[in-house]
Amino acid sequence: MKHADSQTLARLEPLLEQVRQRVPPLKEKGEGRFYLKSTAFLHFHDDPAGIFADLKVNGEWQRYPVNTAAEQALLTQALDTQLL
């Protein structure tokens, strides 16, 4: 599974904007690669099965599909839980 390219990330722009506005702020060290403090926290993958986000949950990477609005909402809920 490869990291999402700029074309894939462009399709996710509304989701990426939501991520960029989270508090505490995440640092985007490259397009679609987010860090919390100095730790990798969220990034995206492109796969024949779809687009996926890897989110660090309790120190472990968890994979979330982000192909539909409903899937993206689940990711943002999980993201908010981790940022509490």
PDB file of N, CA and C in Angstrom:
ATOM      1  N   MET A   1       0.852  -1.168   0.000  1.00  0.00           N
ATOM      2  CA  MET A   1       0.000   0.000   0.000  1.00  0.00           C
ATOM      3  C   MET A   1       0.900   1.234   0.000  1.00  0.00           C
ATOM      4  N   LYS A   2       0.697   2.109  -0.954  1.00  0.00           N
ATOM      5  CA  LYS A   2       1.557   3.291  -1.078  1.00  0.00           C
ATOM      6  C   LYS A   2       0.900   4.508  -0.425  1.00  0.00           C
ATOM      7  N   HIS A   3       1.745   5.451  -0.044  1.00  0.00           N
ATOM      8  CA  HIS A   3       1.218   6.704   0.492  1.00  0.00           C
ATOM      9  C   HIS A   3       0.436   7.415  -0.606  1.00  0.00           C
ATOM     10  N   ALA A   4      -0.586   8.126  -0.202  1.00  0.00           N
ATOM     11  CA  ALA A   4      -1.439   8.827  -1.156  1.00  0.00           C
ATOM     12  C   ALA A   4      -0.648   9.905  -1.890  1.00  0.00           C
ATOM     13  N   ASP A   5      -0.861   9.991  -3.190  1.00  0.00           N
ATOM     14  CA  ASP A   5      -0.191  11.022  -3.984  1.00  0.00           C
ATOM     15  C   ASP A   5      -1.031  12.301  -3.984  1.00  0.00           C
ATOM     16  N   SER A   6      -0.517  13.334  -4.613  1.00  0.00           N
ATOM     17  CA  SER A   6      -1.188  14.637  -4.583  1.00  0.00           C
ATOM     18  C   SER A   6      -2.561  14.590  -5.250  1.00  0.00           C
ATOM     19  N   GLN A   7      -2.723  13.749  -6.250  1.00  0.00           N
ATOM     20  CA  GLN A   7      -4.022  13.623  -6.917  1.00  0.00           C
ATOM     21  C   GLN A   7      -5.063  13.039  -5.959  1.00  0.00           C
ATOM     22  N   THR A   8      -4.671  12.009  -5.221  1.00  0.00           N
ATOM     23  CA  THR A   8      -5.574  11.400  -4.243  1.00  0.00           C
ATOM     24  C   THR A   8      -5.891  12.391  -3.135  1.00  0.00           C
ATOM     25  N   LEU A   9      -4.860  13.080  -2.637  1.00  0.00           N
ATOM     26  CA  LEU A   9      -5.075  14.042  -1.560  1.00  0.00           C
ATOM     27  C   LEU A   9      -5.979  15.189  -2.003  1.00  0.00           C
ATOM     28  N   ALA A  10      -5.915  15.561  -3.268  1.00  0.00           N
ATOM     29  CA  ALA A  10      -6.802  16.619  -3.776  1.00  0.00           C
ATOM     30  C   ALA A  10      -8.263  16.198  -3.655  1.00  0.00           C
ATOM     31  N   ARG A  11      -8.541  14.915  -3.852  1.00  0.00           N
ATOM     32  CA  ARG A  11      -9.912  14.413  -3.698  1.00  0.00           C
ATOM     33  C   ARG A  11     -10.361  14.461  -2.246  1.00  0.00           C
ATOM     34  N   LEU A  12      -9.396  14.455  -1.320  1.00  0.00           N
ATOM     35  CA  LEU A  12      -9.702  14.481   0.112  1.00  0.00           C
ATOM     36  C   LEU A  12      -9.621  15.884   0.709  1.00  0.00           C
ATOM     37  N   GLU A  13      -9.501  16.906  -0.104  1.00  0.00           N
ATOM     38  CA  GLU A  13      -9.266  18.266   0.403  1.00  0.00           C
ATOM     39  C   GLU A  13     -10.274  18.717   1.459  1.00  0.00           C
ATOM     40  N   PRO A  14     -11.582  18.474   1.297  1.00  0.00           N
ATOM     41  CA  PRO A  14     -12.507  18.879   2.371  1.00  0.00           C
ATOM     42  C   PRO A  14     -12.181  18.196   3.705  1.00  0.00           C
ATOM     43  N   LEU A  15     -11.826  16.931   3.661  1.00  0.00           N
ATOM     44  CA  LEU A  15     -11.432  16.219   4.878  1.00  0.00           C
ATOM     45  C   LEU A  15     -10.138  16.793   5.435  1.00  0.00           C
ATOM     46  N   LEU A  16      -9.170  17.048   4.586  1.00  0.00           N
ATOM     47  CA  LEU A  16      -7.897  17.608   5.045  1.00  0.00           C
ATOM     48  C   LEU A  16      -8.105  18.969   5.703  1.00  0.00           C
ATOM     49  N   GLU A  17      -9.006  19.775   5.178  1.00  0.00           N
ATOM     50  CA  GLU A  17      -9.304  21.077   5.792  1.00  0.00           C
ATOM     51  C   GLU A  17      -9.880  20.893   7.190  1.00  0.00           C
ATOM     52  N   GLN A  18     -10.732  19.894   7.365  1.00  0.00           N
ATOM     53  CA  GLN A  18     -11.276  19.610   8.696  1.00  0.00           C
ATOM     54  C   GLN A  18     -10.160  19.218   9.653  1.00  0.00           C
ATOM     55  N   VAL A  19      -9.240  18.399   9.190  1.00  0.00           N
ATOM     56  CA  VAL A  19      -8.118  17.963  10.028  1.00  0.00           C
ATOM     57  C   VAL A  19      -7.257  19.165  10.405  1.00  0.00           C
ATOM     58  N   ARG A  20      -6.996  20.034   9.460  1.00  0.00           N
ATOM     59  CA  ARG A  20      -6.137  21.206   9.712  1.00  0.00           C
ATOM     60  C   ARG A  20      -6.725  22.143  10.763  1.00  0.00           C
ATOM     61  N   GLN A  21      -8.027  22.113  10.957  1.00  0.00           N
ATOM     62  CA  GLN A  21      -8.674  23.019  11.901  1.00  0.00           C
ATOM     63  C   GLN A  21      -8.857  22.413  13.286  1.00  0.00           C
ATOM     64  N   ARG A  22      -8.366  21.226  13.520  1.00  0.00           N
ATOM     65  CA  ARG A  22      -8.521  20.591  14.819  1.00  0.00           C
ATOM     66  C   ARG A  22      -7.677  21.292  15.872  1.00  0.00           C
ATOM     67  N   VAL A  23      -8.154  21.217  17.133  1.00  0.00           N
ATOM     68  CA  VAL A  23      -7.426  21.774  18.277  1.00  0.00           C
ATOM     69  C   VAL A  23      -7.188  20.621  19.234  1.00  0.00           C
ATOM     70  N   PRO A  24      -5.985  20.369  19.755  1.00  0.00           N
ATOM     71  CA  PRO A  24      -4.800  21.170  19.493  1.00  0.00           C
ATOM     72  C   PRO A  24      -4.373  21.020  18.037  1.00  0.00           C
ATOM     73  N   PRO A  25      -3.744  22.059  17.541  1.00  0.00           N
ATOM     74  CA  PRO A  25      -3.392  22.007  16.121  1.00  0.00           C
ATOM     75  C   PRO A  25      -2.380  20.912  15.810  1.00  0.00           C
ATOM     76  N   LEU A  26      -2.620  20.262  14.708  1.00  0.00           N
ATOM     77  CA  LEU A  26      -1.672  19.280  14.200  1.00  0.00           C
ATOM     78  C   LEU A  26      -0.729  20.001  13.249  1.00  0.00           C
ATOM     79  N   LYS A  27       0.495  19.525  13.180  1.00  0.00           N
ATOM     80  CA  LYS A  27       1.467  20.123  12.261  1.00  0.00           C
ATOM     81  C   LYS A  27       1.500  19.266  10.998  1.00  0.00           C
ATOM     82  N   GLU A  28       1.282  19.900   9.857  1.00  0.00           N
ATOM     83  CA  GLU A  28       1.314  19.189   8.577  1.00  0.00           C
ATOM     84  C   GLU A  28       2.724  19.320   8.015  1.00  0.00           C
ATOM     85  N   LYS A  29       3.498  18.231   8.118  1.00  0.00           N
ATOM     86  CA  LYS A  29       4.903  18.268   7.703  1.00  0.00           C
ATOM     87  C   LYS A  29       5.092  17.964   6.227  1.00  0.00           C
ATOM     88  N   GLY A  30       4.064  17.611   5.579  1.00  0.00           N
ATOM     89  CA  GLY A  30       4.037  17.345   4.143  1.00  0.00           C
ATOM     90  C   GLY A  30       2.573  17.177   3.805  1.00  0.00           C
ATOM     91  N   GLU A  31       2.214  17.352   2.566  1.00  0.00           N
ATOM     92  CA  GLU A  31       0.801  17.286   2.214  1.00  0.00           C
ATOM     93  C   GLU A  31       0.180  15.975   2.690  1.00  0.00           C
ATOM     94  N   GLY A  32      -0.798  16.088   3.598  1.00  0.00           N
ATOM     95  CA  GLY A  32      -1.506  14.915   4.095  1.00  0.00           C
ATOM     96  C   GLY A  32      -0.770  14.115   5.149  1.00  0.00           C
ATOM     97  N   ARG A  33       0.347  14.632   5.676  1.00  0.00           N
ATOM     98  CA  ARG A  33       1.104  13.948   6.741  1.00  0.00           C
ATOM     99  C   ARG A  33       1.095  14.846   7.970  1.00  0.00           C
ATOM    100  N   PHE A  34       0.385  14.411   9.007  1.00  0.00           N
ATOM    101  CA  PHE A  34       0.170  15.235  10.186  1.00  0.00           C
ATOM    102  C   PHE A  34       0.901  14.664  11.395  1.00  0.00           C
ATOM    103  N   TYR A  35       1.432  15.584  12.191  1.00  0.00           N
ATOM    104  CA  TYR A  35       2.158  15.235  13.407  1.00  0.00           C
ATOM    105  C   TYR A  35       1.488  15.907  14.592  1.00  0.00           C
ATOM    106  N   LEU A  36       1.515  15.225  15.728  1.00  0.00           N
ATOM    107  CA  LEU A  36       1.082  15.786  16.999  1.00  0.00           C
ATOM    108  C   LEU A  36       2.336  15.915  17.836  1.00  0.00           C
ATOM    109  N   LYS A  37       2.705  17.143  18.135  1.00  0.00           N
ATOM    110  CA  LYS A  37       3.998  17.453  18.735  1.00  0.00           C
ATOM    111  C   LYS A  37       5.058  16.957  17.752  1.00  0.00           C
ATOM    112  N   SER A  38       5.904  16.028  18.131  1.00  0.00           N
ATOM    113  CA  SER A  38       6.943  15.556  17.204  1.00  0.00           C
ATOM    114  C   SER A  38       6.681  14.128  16.724  1.00  0.00           C
ATOM    115  N   THR A  39       5.470  13.636  16.953  1.00  0.00           N
ATOM    116  CA  THR A  39       5.140  12.248  16.631  1.00  0.00           C
ATOM    117  C   THR A  39       4.208  12.166  15.428  1.00  0.00           C
ATOM    118  N   ALA A  40       4.549  11.303  14.477  1.00  0.00           N
ATOM    119  CA  ALA A  40       3.654  11.048  13.342  1.00  0.00           C
ATOM    120  C   ALA A  40       2.298  10.620  13.895  1.00  0.00           C
ATOM    121  N   PHE A  41       1.233  11.193  13.353  1.00  0.00           N
ATOM    122  CA  PHE A  41      -0.086  11.002  13.947  1.00  0.00           C
ATOM    123  C   PHE A  41      -1.155  10.576  12.938  1.00  0.00           C
ATOM    124  N   LEU A  42      -1.076  11.071  11.704  1.00  0.00           N
ATOM    125  CA  LEU A  42      -2.093  10.772  10.704  1.00  0.00           C
ATOM    126  C   LEU A  42      -1.498  10.918   9.310  1.00  0.00           C
ATOM    127  N   HIS A  43      -1.745   9.926   8.462  1.00  0.00           N
ATOM    128  CA  HIS A  43      -1.348  10.018   7.058  1.00  0.00           C
ATOM    129  C   HIS A  43      -2.298   9.148   6.234  1.00  0.00           C
ATOM    130  N   PHE A  44      -2.174   9.241   4.928  1.00  0.00           N
ATOM    131  CA  PHE A  44      -3.142   8.611   4.028  1.00  0.00           C
ATOM    132  C   PHE A  44      -2.443   7.680   3.040  1.00  0.00           C
ATOM    133  N   HIS A  45      -3.179   6.626   2.646  1.00  0.00           N
ATOM    134  CA  HIS A  45      -2.678   5.636   1.695  1.00  0.00           C
ATOM    135  C   HIS A  45      -3.656   5.475   0.547  1.00  0.00           C
ATOM    136  N   ASP A  46      -3.114   5.152  -0.599  1.00  0.00           N
ATOM    137  CA  ASP A  46      -3.894   4.842  -1.789  1.00  0.00           C
ATOM    138  C   ASP A  46      -3.688   3.362  -2.076  1.00  0.00           C
ATOM    139  N   ASP A  47      -4.774   2.655  -2.305  1.00  0.00           N
ATOM    140  CA  ASP A  47      -4.725   1.217  -2.502  1.00  0.00           C
ATOM    141  C   ASP A  47      -5.783   0.859  -3.549  1.00  0.00           C
ATOM    142  N   PRO A  48      -5.609  -0.226  -4.276  1.00  0.00           N
ATOM    143  CA  PRO A  48      -6.664  -0.627  -5.213  1.00  0.00           C
ATOM    144  C   PRO A  48      -8.031  -0.789  -4.537  1.00  0.00           C
ATOM    145  N   ALA A  49      -8.035  -1.083  -3.244  1.00  0.00           N
ATOM    146  CA  ALA A  49      -9.295  -1.236  -2.507  1.00  0.00           C
ATOM    147  C   ALA A  49      -9.890   0.104  -2.085  1.00  0.00           C
ATOM    148  N   GLY A  50      -9.142   1.207  -2.246  1.00  0.00           N
ATOM    149  CA  GLY A  50      -9.659   2.520  -1.878  1.00  0.00           C
ATOM    150  C   GLY A  50      -8.604   3.373  -1.196  1.00  0.00           C
ATOM    151  N   ILE A  51      -9.076   4.450  -0.582  1.00  0.00           N
ATOM    152  CA  ILE A  51      -8.201   5.370   0.139  1.00  0.00           C
ATOM    153  C   ILE A  51      -8.372   5.100   1.628  1.00  0.00           C
ATOM    154  N   PHE A  52      -7.246   5.075   2.341  1.00  0.00           N
ATOM    155  CA  PHE A  52      -7.256   4.776   3.764  1.00  0.00           C
ATOM    156  C   PHE A  52      -6.441   5.810   4.522  1.00  0.00           C
ATOM    157  N   ALA A  53      -6.830   6.027   5.778  1.00  0.00           N
ATOM    158  CA  ALA A  53      -6.070   6.891   6.676  1.00  0.00           C
ATOM    159  C   ALA A  53      -5.512   6.021   7.789  1.00  0.00           C
ATOM    160  N   ASP A  54      -4.274   6.265   8.151  1.00  0.00           N
ATOM    161  CA  ASP A  54      -3.675   5.634   9.322  1.00  0.00           C
ATOM    162  C   ASP A  54      -3.617   6.683  10.414  1.00  0.00           C
ATOM    163  N   LEU A  55      -4.272   6.403  11.538  1.00  0.00           N
ATOM    164  CA  LEU A  55      -4.336   7.301  12.683  1.00  0.00           C
ATOM    165  C   LEU A  55      -3.695   6.604  13.874  1.00  0.00           C
ATOM    166  N   LYS A  56      -2.845   7.309  14.590  1.00  0.00           N
ATOM    167  CA  LYS A  56      -2.204   6.741  15.776  1.00  0.00           C
ATOM    168  C   LYS A  56      -3.211   6.775  16.924  1.00  0.00           C
ATOM    169  N   VAL A  57      -3.606   5.588  17.396  1.00  0.00           N
ATOM    170  CA  VAL A  57      -4.572   5.439  18.481  1.00  0.00           C
ATOM    171  C   VAL A  57      -3.882   4.691  19.612  1.00  0.00           C
ATOM    172  N   ASN A  58      -3.715   5.363  20.734  1.00  0.00           N
ATOM    173  CA  ASN A  58      -3.041   4.758  21.890  1.00  0.00           C
ATOM    174  C   ASN A  58      -1.692   4.158  21.506  1.00  0.00           C
ATOM    175  N   GLY A  59      -0.947   4.871  20.686  1.00  0.00           N
ATOM    176  CA  GLY A  59       0.396   4.449  20.313  1.00  0.00           C
ATOM    177  C   GLY A  59       0.481   3.438  19.184  1.00  0.00           C
ATOM    178  N   GLU A  60      -0.644   3.007  18.654  1.00  0.00           N
ATOM    179  CA  GLU A  60      -0.666   2.017  17.572  1.00  0.00           C
ATOM    180  C   GLU A  60      -1.396   2.594  16.363  1.00  0.00           C
ATOM    181  N   TRP A  61      -0.919   2.259  15.165  1.00  0.00           N
ATOM    182  CA  TRP A  61      -1.595   2.714  13.952  1.00  0.00           C
ATOM    183  C   TRP A  61      -2.886   1.943  13.744  1.00  0.00           C
ATOM    184  N   GLN A  62      -3.961   2.675  13.490  1.00  0.00           N
ATOM    185  CA  GLN A  62      -5.255   2.091  13.147  1.00  0.00           C
ATOM    186  C   GLN A  62      -5.627   2.589  11.755  1.00  0.00           C
ATOM    187  N   ARG A  63      -6.098   1.691  10.930  1.00  0.00           N
ATOM    188  CA  ARG A  63      -6.434   2.044   9.542  1.00  0.00           C
ATOM    189  C   ARG A  63      -7.943   2.291   9.412  1.00  0.00           C
ATOM    190  N   TYR A  64      -8.289   3.394   8.743  1.00  0.00           N
ATOM    191  CA  TYR A  64      -9.680   3.782   8.511  1.00  0.00           C
ATOM    192  C   TYR A  64      -9.899   4.014   7.020  1.00  0.00           C
ATOM    193  N   PRO A  65     -10.924   3.399   6.433  1.00  0.00           N
ATOM    194  CA  PRO A  65     -11.263   3.749   5.052  1.00  0.00           C
ATOM    195  C   PRO A  65     -11.849   5.159   5.042  1.00  0.00           C
ATOM    196  N   VAL A  66     -11.558   5.937   4.006  1.00  0.00           N
ATOM    197  CA  VAL A  66     -12.058   7.322   3.922  1.00  0.00           C
ATOM    198  C   VAL A  66     -12.611   7.618   2.522  1.00  0.00           C
ATOM    199  N   ASN A  67     -13.335   6.670   1.967  1.00  0.00           N
ATOM    200  CA  ASN A  67     -13.850   6.801   0.604  1.00  0.00           C
ATOM    201  C   ASN A  67     -15.205   7.489   0.523  1.00  0.00           C
ATOM    202  N   THR A  68     -15.955   7.481   1.603  1.00  0.00           N
ATOM    203  CA  THR A  68     -17.290   8.089   1.614  1.00  0.00           C
ATOM    204  C   THR A  68     -17.364   9.130   2.726  1.00  0.00           C
ATOM    205  N   ALA A  69     -18.390   9.958   2.670  1.00  0.00           N
ATOM    206  CA  ALA A  69     -18.590  10.964   3.723  1.00  0.00           C
ATOM    207  C   ALA A  69     -18.775  10.287   5.083  1.00  0.00           C
ATOM    208  N   ALA A  70     -19.482   9.168   5.113  1.00  0.00           N
ATOM    209  CA  ALA A  70     -19.702   8.455   6.379  1.00  0.00           C
ATOM    210  C   ALA A  70     -18.381   7.925   6.940  1.00  0.00           C
ATOM    211  N   GLU A  71     -17.539   7.373   6.078  1.00  0.00           N
ATOM    212  CA  GLU A  71     -16.233   6.876   6.531  1.00  0.00           C
ATOM    213  C   GLU A  71     -15.360   8.027   7.022  1.00  0.00           C
ATOM    214  N   GLN A  72     -15.407   9.146   6.342  1.00  0.00           N
ATOM    215  CA  GLN A  72     -14.622  10.306   6.758  1.00  0.00           C
ATOM    216  C   GLN A  72     -15.109  10.836   8.104  1.00  0.00           C
ATOM    217  N   ALA A  73     -16.418  10.783   8.339  1.00  0.00           N
ATOM    218  CA  ALA A  73     -16.969  11.210   9.630  1.00  0.00           C
ATOM    219  C   ALA A  73     -16.465  10.313  10.754  1.00  0.00           C
ATOM    220  N   LEU A  74     -16.371   9.006  10.497  1.00  0.00           N
ATOM    221  CA  LEU A  74     -15.831   8.090  11.514  1.00  0.00           C
ATOM    222  C   LEU A  74     -14.381   8.425  11.831  1.00  0.00           C
ATOM    223  N   LEU A  75     -13.609   8.763  10.808  1.00  0.00           N
ATOM    224  CA  LEU A  75     -12.219   9.149  11.043  1.00  0.00           C
ATOM    225  C   LEU A  75     -12.150  10.413  11.884  1.00  0.00           C
ATOM    226  N   THR A  76     -12.933  11.424  11.562  1.00  0.00           N
ATOM    227  CA  THR A  76     -12.854  12.669  12.330  1.00  0.00           C
ATOM    228  C   THR A  76     -13.312  12.460  13.769  1.00  0.00           C
ATOM    229  N   GLN A  77     -14.267  11.566  13.998  1.00  0.00           N
ATOM    230  CA  GLN A  77     -14.667  11.240  15.371  1.00  0.00           C
ATOM    231  C   GLN A  77     -13.511  10.590  16.118  1.00  0.00           C
ATOM    232  N   ALA A  78     -12.843   9.638  15.479  1.00  0.00           N
ATOM    233  CA  ALA A  78     -11.697   8.975  16.108  1.00  0.00           C
ATOM    234  C   ALA A  78     -10.570   9.974  16.352  1.00  0.00           C
ATOM    235  N   LEU A  79     -10.352  10.867  15.406  1.00  0.00           N
ATOM    236  CA  LEU A  79      -9.331  11.898  15.547  1.00  0.00           C
ATOM    237  C   LEU A  79      -9.631  12.781  16.752  1.00  0.00           C
ATOM    238  N   ASP A  80     -10.866  13.241  16.868  1.00  0.00           N
ATOM    239  CA  ASP A  80     -11.244  14.087  17.998  1.00  0.00           C
ATOM    240  C   ASP A  80     -11.067  13.361  19.326  1.00  0.00           C
ATOM    241  N   THR A  81     -11.389  12.084  19.365  1.00  0.00           N
ATOM    242  CA  THR A  81     -11.203  11.299  20.589  1.00  0.00           C
ATOM    243  C   THR A  81      -9.738  11.263  20.990  1.00  0.00           C
ATOM    244  N   GLN A  82      -8.851  11.114  20.022  1.00  0.00           N
ATOM    245  CA  GLN A  82      -7.417  11.060  20.322  1.00  0.00           C
ATOM    246  C   GLN A  82      -6.861  12.414  20.748  1.00  0.00           C
ATOM    247  N   LEU A  83      -7.498  13.488  20.339  1.00  0.00           N
ATOM    248  CA  LEU A  83      -7.001  14.826  20.666  1.00  0.00           C
ATOM    249  C   LEU A  83      -7.532  15.349  21.998  1.00  0.00           C
ATOM    250  N   LEU A  84      -8.434  14.621  22.641  1.00  0.00           N
ATOM    251  CA  LEU A  84      -8.966  15.063  23.945  1.00  0.00           C
ATOM    252  C   LEU A  84      -7.905  15.068  25.010  1.00  0.00           C
TER     253      LEU A  84
END
